[in-house]
Amino acid sequence: MSGSVDEKLPYLYFNAIEAMPENTIIILIDGQGWKQGAIQWLKDAVASKKYSNESNSSKQIYVFNLTEFFTWANNTFQ
């Protein structure tokens, strides 16, 4: 798929809510070079359950950078 990495975030989100069968999905974002607002758009879409419907609204989706993930994992799996 062509396009910038930022342009792929909506597709990643749509796949998470529509195509991935798992009820809990973790999206781990690491590295630099993201356009301003791209990661925030993804986090906002997840928080507001943007484009969700009855069949997928119960999914739990998390978006973390590496530090946030380690903090979440340490708190969750103590």
PDB file of N, CA and C in Angstrom:
ATOM      1  N   MET A   1       0.851  -1.176   0.000  1.00  0.00           N
ATOM      2  CA  MET A   1       0.000   0.000   0.000  1.00  0.00           C
ATOM      3  C   MET A   1       0.891   1.232   0.000  1.00  0.00           C
ATOM      4  N   SER A   2       0.618   2.152  -0.896  1.00  0.00           N
ATOM      5  CA  SER A   2       1.414   3.372  -0.933  1.00  0.00           C
ATOM      6  C   SER A   2       0.807   4.410   0.002  1.00  0.00           C
ATOM      7  N   GLY A   3       1.537   5.484   0.191  1.00  0.00           N
ATOM      8  CA  GLY A   3       1.078   6.547   1.084  1.00  0.00           C
ATOM      9  C   GLY A   3       1.983   6.645   2.294  1.00  0.00           C
ATOM     10  N   SER A   4       1.862   7.775   2.989  1.00  0.00           N
ATOM     11  CA  SER A   4       2.691   7.968   4.170  1.00  0.00           C
ATOM     12  C   SER A   4       2.214   7.052   5.294  1.00  0.00           C
ATOM     13  N   VAL A   5       3.066   6.863   6.262  1.00  0.00           N
ATOM     14  CA  VAL A   5       2.697   6.050   7.421  1.00  0.00           C
ATOM     15  C   VAL A   5       1.481   6.657   8.107  1.00  0.00           C
ATOM     16  N   ASP A   6       1.427   7.981   8.184  1.00  0.00           N
ATOM     17  CA  ASP A   6       0.300   8.664   8.814  1.00  0.00           C
ATOM     18  C   ASP A   6      -1.024   8.321   8.121  1.00  0.00           C
ATOM     19  N   GLU A   7      -0.980   8.205   6.807  1.00  0.00           N
ATOM     20  CA  GLU A   7      -2.194   7.898   6.052  1.00  0.00           C
ATOM     21  C   GLU A   7      -2.672   6.472   6.296  1.00  0.00           C
ATOM     22  N   LYS A   8      -1.806   5.626   6.801  1.00  0.00           N
ATOM     23  CA  LYS A   8      -2.178   4.241   7.080  1.00  0.00           C
ATOM     24  C   LYS A   8      -2.886   4.077   8.426  1.00  0.00           C
ATOM     25  N   LEU A   9      -2.798   5.061   9.305  1.00  0.00           N
ATOM     26  CA  LEU A   9      -3.424   4.945  10.631  1.00  0.00           C
ATOM     27  C   LEU A   9      -4.938   4.757  10.560  1.00  0.00           C
ATOM     28  N   PRO A  10      -5.656   5.487   9.717  1.00  0.00           N
ATOM     29  CA  PRO A  10      -7.098   5.212   9.634  1.00  0.00           C
ATOM     30  C   PRO A  10      -7.397   3.783   9.176  1.00  0.00           C
ATOM     31  N   TYR A  11      -6.607   3.262   8.232  1.00  0.00           N
ATOM     32  CA  TYR A  11      -6.805   1.887   7.780  1.00  0.00           C
ATOM     33  C   TYR A  11      -6.528   0.898   8.910  1.00  0.00           C
ATOM     34  N   LEU A  12      -5.500   1.170   9.681  1.00  0.00           N
ATOM     35  CA  LEU A  12      -5.197   0.326  10.834  1.00  0.00           C
ATOM     36  C   LEU A  12      -6.371   0.333  11.807  1.00  0.00           C
ATOM     37  N   TYR A  13      -6.903   1.503  12.082  1.00  0.00           N
ATOM     38  CA  TYR A  13      -8.043   1.605  12.997  1.00  0.00           C
ATOM     39  C   TYR A  13      -9.269   0.878  12.445  1.00  0.00           C
ATOM     40  N   PHE A  14      -9.586   1.103  11.172  1.00  0.00           N
ATOM     41  CA  PHE A  14     -10.737   0.423  10.566  1.00  0.00           C
ATOM     42  C   PHE A  14     -10.569  -1.092  10.609  1.00  0.00           C
ATOM     43  N   ASN A  15      -9.372  -1.573  10.331  1.00  0.00           N
ATOM     44  CA  ASN A  15      -9.112  -3.012  10.413  1.00  0.00           C
ATOM     45  C   ASN A  15      -9.298  -3.520  11.830  1.00  0.00           C
ATOM     46  N   ALA A  16      -8.865  -2.743  12.804  1.00  0.00           N
ATOM     47  CA  ALA A  16      -9.011  -3.161  14.199  1.00  0.00           C
ATOM     48  C   ALA A  16     -10.481  -3.313  14.575  1.00  0.00           C
ATOM     49  N   ILE A  17     -11.323  -2.391  14.136  1.00  0.00           N
ATOM     50  CA  ILE A  17     -12.730  -2.476  14.539  1.00  0.00           C
ATOM     51  C   ILE A  17     -13.555  -3.390  13.636  1.00  0.00           C
ATOM     52  N   GLU A  18     -13.154  -3.549  12.381  1.00  0.00           N
ATOM     53  CA  GLU A  18     -13.979  -4.311  11.444  1.00  0.00           C
ATOM     54  C   GLU A  18     -13.457  -5.709  11.125  1.00  0.00           C
ATOM     55  N   ALA A  19     -12.153  -5.887  11.053  1.00  0.00           N
ATOM     56  CA  ALA A  19     -11.622  -7.154  10.532  1.00  0.00           C
ATOM     57  C   ALA A  19     -10.929  -8.027  11.572  1.00  0.00           C
ATOM     58  N   MET A  20     -10.364  -7.428  12.592  1.00  0.00           N
ATOM     59  CA  MET A  20      -9.657  -8.220  13.594  1.00  0.00           C
ATOM     60  C   MET A  20     -10.673  -8.855  14.540  1.00  0.00           C
ATOM     61  N   PRO A  21     -10.619 -10.175  14.709  1.00  0.00           N
ATOM     62  CA  PRO A  21     -11.630 -10.846  15.529  1.00  0.00           C
ATOM     63  C   PRO A  21     -11.415 -10.691  17.035  1.00  0.00           C
ATOM     64  N   GLU A  22     -10.244 -10.268  17.449  1.00  0.00           N
ATOM     65  CA  GLU A  22      -9.941 -10.152  18.871  1.00  0.00           C
ATOM     66  C   GLU A  22     -10.772  -9.053  19.513  1.00  0.00           C
ATOM     67  N   ASN A  23     -11.136  -9.274  20.771  1.00  0.00           N
ATOM     68  CA  ASN A  23     -11.896  -8.268  21.515  1.00  0.00           C
ATOM     69  C   ASN A  23     -10.999  -7.228  22.162  1.00  0.00           C
ATOM     70  N   THR A  24      -9.743  -7.552  22.374  1.00  0.00           N
ATOM     71  CA  THR A  24      -8.774  -6.608  22.928  1.00  0.00           C
ATOM     72  C   THR A  24      -7.624  -6.486  21.937  1.00  0.00           C
ATOM     73  N   ILE A  25      -7.347  -5.264  21.539  1.00  0.00           N
ATOM     74  CA  ILE A  25      -6.307  -4.996  20.536  1.00  0.00           C
ATOM     75  C   ILE A  25      -5.392  -3.915  21.077  1.00  0.00           C
ATOM     76  N   ILE A  26      -4.100  -4.160  20.989  1.00  0.00           N
ATOM     77  CA  ILE A  26      -3.098  -3.177  21.405  1.00  0.00           C
ATOM     78  C   ILE A  26      -2.359  -2.708  20.163  1.00  0.00           C
ATOM     79  N   ILE A  27      -2.369  -1.404  19.949  1.00  0.00           N
ATOM     80  CA  ILE A  27      -1.618  -0.793  18.858  1.00  0.00           C
ATOM     81  C   ILE A  27      -0.421  -0.106  19.493  1.00  0.00           C
ATOM     82  N   LEU A  28       0.765  -0.569  19.150  1.00  0.00           N
ATOM     83  CA  LEU A  28       2.000  -0.036  19.717  1.00  0.00           C
ATOM     84  C   LEU A  28       2.672   0.840  18.677  1.00  0.00           C
ATOM     85  N   ILE A  29       2.797   2.120  18.982  1.00  0.00           N
ATOM     86  CA  ILE A  29       3.399   3.096  18.079  1.00  0.00           C
ATOM     87  C   ILE A  29       4.754   3.489  18.650  1.00  0.00           C
ATOM     88  N   ASP A  30       5.791   3.310  17.866  1.00  0.00           N
ATOM     89  CA  ASP A  30       7.124   3.681  18.331  1.00  0.00           C
ATOM     90  C   ASP A  30       7.853   4.379  17.199  1.00  0.00           C
ATOM     91  N   GLY A  31       8.792   5.198  17.543  1.00  0.00           N
ATOM     92  CA  GLY A  31       9.580   5.892  16.546  1.00  0.00           C
ATOM     93  C   GLY A  31       9.125   7.320  16.344  1.00  0.00           C
ATOM     94  N   GLN A  32       9.864   8.003  15.525  1.00  0.00           N
ATOM     95  CA  GLN A  32       9.613   9.415  15.243  1.00  0.00           C
ATOM     96  C   GLN A  32       9.141   9.567  13.804  1.00  0.00           C
ATOM     97  N   GLY A  33       8.872  10.780  13.402  1.00  0.00           N
ATOM     98  CA  GLY A  33       8.548  11.072  12.016  1.00  0.00           C
ATOM     99  C   GLY A  33       7.065  11.148  11.713  1.00  0.00           C
ATOM    100  N   TRP A  34       6.231  11.005  12.736  1.00  0.00           N
ATOM    101  CA  TRP A  34       4.798  11.120  12.514  1.00  0.00           C
ATOM    102  C   TRP A  34       4.427  12.577  12.302  1.00  0.00           C
ATOM    103  N   LYS A  35       3.481  12.824  11.437  1.00  0.00           N
ATOM    104  CA  LYS A  35       2.991  14.196  11.260  1.00  0.00           C
ATOM    105  C   LYS A  35       2.264  14.620  12.524  1.00  0.00           C
ATOM    106  N   GLN A  36       2.323  15.915  12.803  1.00  0.00           N
ATOM    107  CA  GLN A  36       1.658  16.451  13.983  1.00  0.00           C
ATOM    108  C   GLN A  36       0.169  16.121  13.926  1.00  0.00           C
ATOM    109  N   GLY A  37      -0.336  15.554  14.985  1.00  0.00           N
ATOM    110  CA  GLY A  37      -1.752  15.249  15.071  1.00  0.00           C
ATOM    111  C   GLY A  37      -2.138  13.850  14.635  1.00  0.00           C
ATOM    112  N   ALA A  38      -1.247  13.128  13.970  1.00  0.00           N
ATOM    113  CA  ALA A  38      -1.597  11.798  13.450  1.00  0.00           C
ATOM    114  C   ALA A  38      -1.877  10.806  14.577  1.00  0.00           C
ATOM    115  N   ILE A  39      -0.985  10.721  15.536  1.00  0.00           N
ATOM    116  CA  ILE A  39      -1.174   9.789  16.649  1.00  0.00           C
ATOM    117  C   ILE A  39      -2.345  10.239  17.506  1.00  0.00           C
ATOM    118  N   GLN A  40      -2.491  11.545  17.687  1.00  0.00           N
ATOM    119  CA  GLN A  40      -3.622  12.043  18.473  1.00  0.00           C
ATOM    120  C   GLN A  40      -4.938  11.705  17.800  1.00  0.00           C
ATOM    121  N   TRP A  41      -4.984  11.765  16.460  1.00  0.00           N
ATOM    122  CA  TRP A  41      -6.208  11.377  15.752  1.00  0.00           C
ATOM    123  C   TRP A  41      -6.563   9.928  16.080  1.00  0.00           C
ATOM    124  N   LEU A  42      -5.563   9.046  16.034  1.00  0.00           N
ATOM    125  CA  LEU A  42      -5.802   7.633  16.322  1.00  0.00           C
ATOM    126  C   LEU A  42      -6.287   7.448  17.753  1.00  0.00           C
ATOM    127  N   LYS A  43      -5.636   8.102  18.704  1.00  0.00           N
ATOM    128  CA  LYS A  43      -6.053   7.990  20.109  1.00  0.00           C
ATOM    129  C   LYS A  43      -7.466   8.532  20.312  1.00  0.00           C
ATOM    130  N   ASP A  44      -7.790   9.643  19.651  1.00  0.00           N
ATOM    131  CA  ASP A  44      -9.139  10.212  19.759  1.00  0.00           C
ATOM    132  C   ASP A  44     -10.180   9.289  19.125  1.00  0.00           C
ATOM    133  N   ALA A  45      -9.850   8.701  17.982  1.00  0.00           N
ATOM    134  CA  ALA A  45     -10.777   7.778  17.319  1.00  0.00           C
ATOM    135  C   ALA A  45     -11.055   6.574  18.210  1.00  0.00           C
ATOM    136  N   VAL A  46     -10.013   6.053  18.855  1.00  0.00           N
ATOM    137  CA  VAL A  46     -10.177   4.915  19.763  1.00  0.00           C
ATOM    138  C   VAL A  46     -11.024   5.326  20.967  1.00  0.00           C
ATOM    139  N   ALA A  47     -10.710   6.465  21.563  1.00  0.00           N
ATOM    140  CA  ALA A  47     -11.423   6.918  22.773  1.00  0.00           C
ATOM    141  C   ALA A  47     -12.906   7.166  22.505  1.00  0.00           C
ATOM    142  N   SER A  48     -13.227   7.700  21.341  1.00  0.00           N
ATOM    143  CA  SER A  48     -14.618   8.007  21.027  1.00  0.00           C
ATOM    144  C   SER A  48     -15.337   6.862  20.316  1.00  0.00           C
ATOM    145  N   LYS A  49     -14.591   5.759  20.083  1.00  0.00           N
ATOM    146  CA  LYS A  49     -15.139   4.606  19.343  1.00  0.00           C
ATOM    147  C   LYS A  49     -15.699   5.051  17.992  1.00  0.00           C
ATOM    148  N   LYS A  50     -14.935   5.929  17.351  1.00  0.00           N
ATOM    149  CA  LYS A  50     -15.325   6.476  16.056  1.00  0.00           C
ATOM    150  C   LYS A  50     -15.599   5.346  15.061  1.00  0.00           C
ATOM    151  N   TYR A  51     -16.676   5.454  14.350  1.00  0.00           N
ATOM    152  CA  TYR A  51     -17.102   4.499  13.321  1.00  0.00           C
ATOM    153  C   TYR A  51     -17.489   3.122  13.863  1.00  0.00           C
ATOM    154  N   SER A  52     -17.579   2.970  15.174  1.00  0.00           N
ATOM    155  CA  SER A  52     -17.997   1.691  15.736  1.00  0.00           C
ATOM    156  C   SER A  52     -19.502   1.505  15.557  1.00  0.00           C
ATOM    157  N   ASN A  53     -19.918   0.246  15.615  1.00  0.00           N
ATOM    158  CA  ASN A  53     -21.340  -0.064  15.546  1.00  0.00           C
ATOM    159  C   ASN A  53     -21.659  -1.134  16.581  1.00  0.00           C
ATOM    160  N   GLU A  54     -22.870  -1.625  16.583  1.00  0.00           N
ATOM    161  CA  GLU A  54     -23.282  -2.601  17.601  1.00  0.00           C
ATOM    162  C   GLU A  54     -22.408  -3.847  17.612  1.00  0.00           C
ATOM    163  N   SER A  55     -21.969  -4.285  16.458  1.00  0.00           N
ATOM    164  CA  SER A  55     -21.215  -5.538  16.390  1.00  0.00           C
ATOM    165  C   SER A  55     -19.774  -5.424  16.875  1.00  0.00           C
ATOM    166  N   ASN A  56     -19.238  -4.211  16.947  1.00  0.00           N
ATOM    167  CA  ASN A  56     -17.835  -4.081  17.342  1.00  0.00           C
ATOM    168  C   ASN A  56     -17.600  -3.059  18.456  1.00  0.00           C
ATOM    169  N   SER A  57     -18.651  -2.516  19.024  1.00  0.00           N
ATOM    170  CA  SER A  57     -18.480  -1.453  20.020  1.00  0.00           C
ATOM    171  C   SER A  57     -17.924  -1.959  21.354  1.00  0.00           C
ATOM    172  N   SER A  58     -17.934  -3.258  21.578  1.00  0.00           N
ATOM    173  CA  SER A  58     -17.408  -3.788  22.843  1.00  0.00           C
ATOM    174  C   SER A  58     -15.909  -4.045  22.796  1.00  0.00           C
ATOM    175  N   LYS A  59     -15.292  -3.839  21.643  1.00  0.00           N
ATOM    176  CA  LYS A  59     -13.846  -4.054  21.540  1.00  0.00           C
ATOM    177  C   LYS A  59     -13.097  -3.040  22.399  1.00  0.00           C
ATOM    178  N   GLN A  60     -12.031  -3.516  23.021  1.00  0.00           N
ATOM    179  CA  GLN A  60     -11.133  -2.625  23.758  1.00  0.00           C
ATOM    180  C   GLN A  60      -9.884  -2.454  22.905  1.00  0.00           C
ATOM    181  N   ILE A  61      -9.626  -1.232  22.518  1.00  0.00           N
ATOM    182  CA  ILE A  61      -8.447  -0.927  21.711  1.00  0.00           C
ATOM    183  C   ILE A  61      -7.595   0.048  22.496  1.00  0.00           C
ATOM    184  N   TYR A  62      -6.324  -0.264  22.577  1.00  0.00           N
ATOM    185  CA  TYR A  62      -5.361   0.593  23.275  1.00  0.00           C
ATOM    186  C   TYR A  62      -4.331   1.076  22.270  1.00  0.00           C
ATOM    187  N   VAL A  63      -3.912   2.322  22.412  1.00  0.00           N
ATOM    188  CA  VAL A  63      -2.836   2.885  21.599  1.00  0.00           C
ATOM    189  C   VAL A  63      -1.762   3.371  22.555  1.00  0.00           C
ATOM    190  N   PHE A  64      -0.580   2.804  22.432  1.00  0.00           N
ATOM    191  CA  PHE A  64       0.521   3.137  23.329  1.00  0.00           C
ATOM    192  C   PHE A  64       1.785   3.434  22.551  1.00  0.00           C
ATOM    193  N   ASN A  65       2.632   4.301  23.116  1.00  0.00           N
ATOM    194  CA  ASN A  65       4.021   4.315  22.697  1.00  0.00           C
ATOM    195  C   ASN A  65       4.720   3.290  23.588  1.00  0.00           C
ATOM    196  N   LEU A  66       5.995   3.071  23.394  1.00  0.00           N
ATOM    197  CA  LEU A  66       6.686   2.001  24.112  1.00  0.00           C
ATOM    198  C   LEU A  66       6.679   2.230  25.622  1.00  0.00           C
ATOM    199  N   THR A  67       6.915   3.457  26.059  1.00  0.00           N
ATOM    200  CA  THR A  67       6.913   3.759  27.495  1.00  0.00           C
ATOM    201  C   THR A  67       5.533   3.555  28.095  1.00  0.00           C
ATOM    202  N   GLU A  68       4.500   4.039  27.410  1.00  0.00           N
ATOM    203  CA  GLU A  68       3.131   3.858  27.896  1.00  0.00           C
ATOM    204  C   GLU A  68       2.765   2.378  27.984  1.00  0.00           C
ATOM    205  N   PHE A  69       3.222   1.597  27.001  1.00  0.00           N
ATOM    206  CA  PHE A  69       2.922   0.170  27.008  1.00  0.00           C
ATOM    207  C   PHE A  69       3.549  -0.515  28.215  1.00  0.00           C
ATOM    208  N   PHE A  70       4.825  -0.235  28.479  1.00  0.00           N
ATOM    209  CA  PHE A  70       5.482  -0.864  29.630  1.00  0.00           C
ATOM    210  C   PHE A  70       4.805  -0.464  30.940  1.00  0.00           C
ATOM    211  N   THR A  71       4.414   0.781  31.068  1.00  0.00           N
ATOM    212  CA  THR A  71       3.699   1.225  32.266  1.00  0.00           C
ATOM    213  C   THR A  71       2.377   0.485  32.396  1.00  0.00           C
ATOM    214  N   TRP A  72       1.611   0.415  31.307  1.00  0.00           N
ATOM    215  CA  TRP A  72       0.331  -0.293  31.323  1.00  0.00           C
ATOM    216  C   TRP A  72       0.525  -1.776  31.662  1.00  0.00           C
ATOM    217  N   ALA A  73       1.502  -2.410  31.034  1.00  0.00           N
ATOM    218  CA  ALA A  73       1.751  -3.836  31.278  1.00  0.00           C
ATOM    219  C   ALA A  73       2.156  -4.087  32.730  1.00  0.00           C
ATOM    220  N   ASN A  74       3.024  -3.245  33.271  1.00  0.00           N
ATOM    221  CA  ASN A  74       3.437  -3.393  34.669  1.00  0.00           C
ATOM    222  C   ASN A  74       2.266  -3.232  35.618  1.00  0.00           C
ATOM    223  N   ASN A  75       1.380  -2.284  35.333  1.00  0.00           N
ATOM    224  CA  ASN A  75       0.211  -2.072  36.196  1.00  0.00           C
ATOM    225  C   ASN A  75      -0.848  -3.152  36.012  1.00  0.00           C
ATOM    226  N   THR A  76      -0.980  -3.663  34.821  1.00  0.00           N
ATOM    227  CA  THR A  76      -2.017  -4.644  34.504  1.00  0.00           C
ATOM    228  C   THR A  76      -1.634  -6.060  34.943  1.00  0.00           C
ATOM    229  N   PHE A  77      -0.382  -6.412  34.805  1.00  0.00           N
ATOM    230  CA  PHE A  77       0.044  -7.791  35.030  1.00  0.00           C
ATOM    231  C   PHE A  77       0.911  -7.960  36.273  1.00  0.00           C
ATOM    232  N   GLN A  78       0.654  -7.168  37.296  1.00  0.00           N
ATOM    233  CA  GLN A  78       1.430  -7.280  38.538  1.00  0.00           C
ATOM    234  C   GLN A  78       1.140  -8.569  39.247  1.00  0.00           C
TER     235      GLN A  78
END
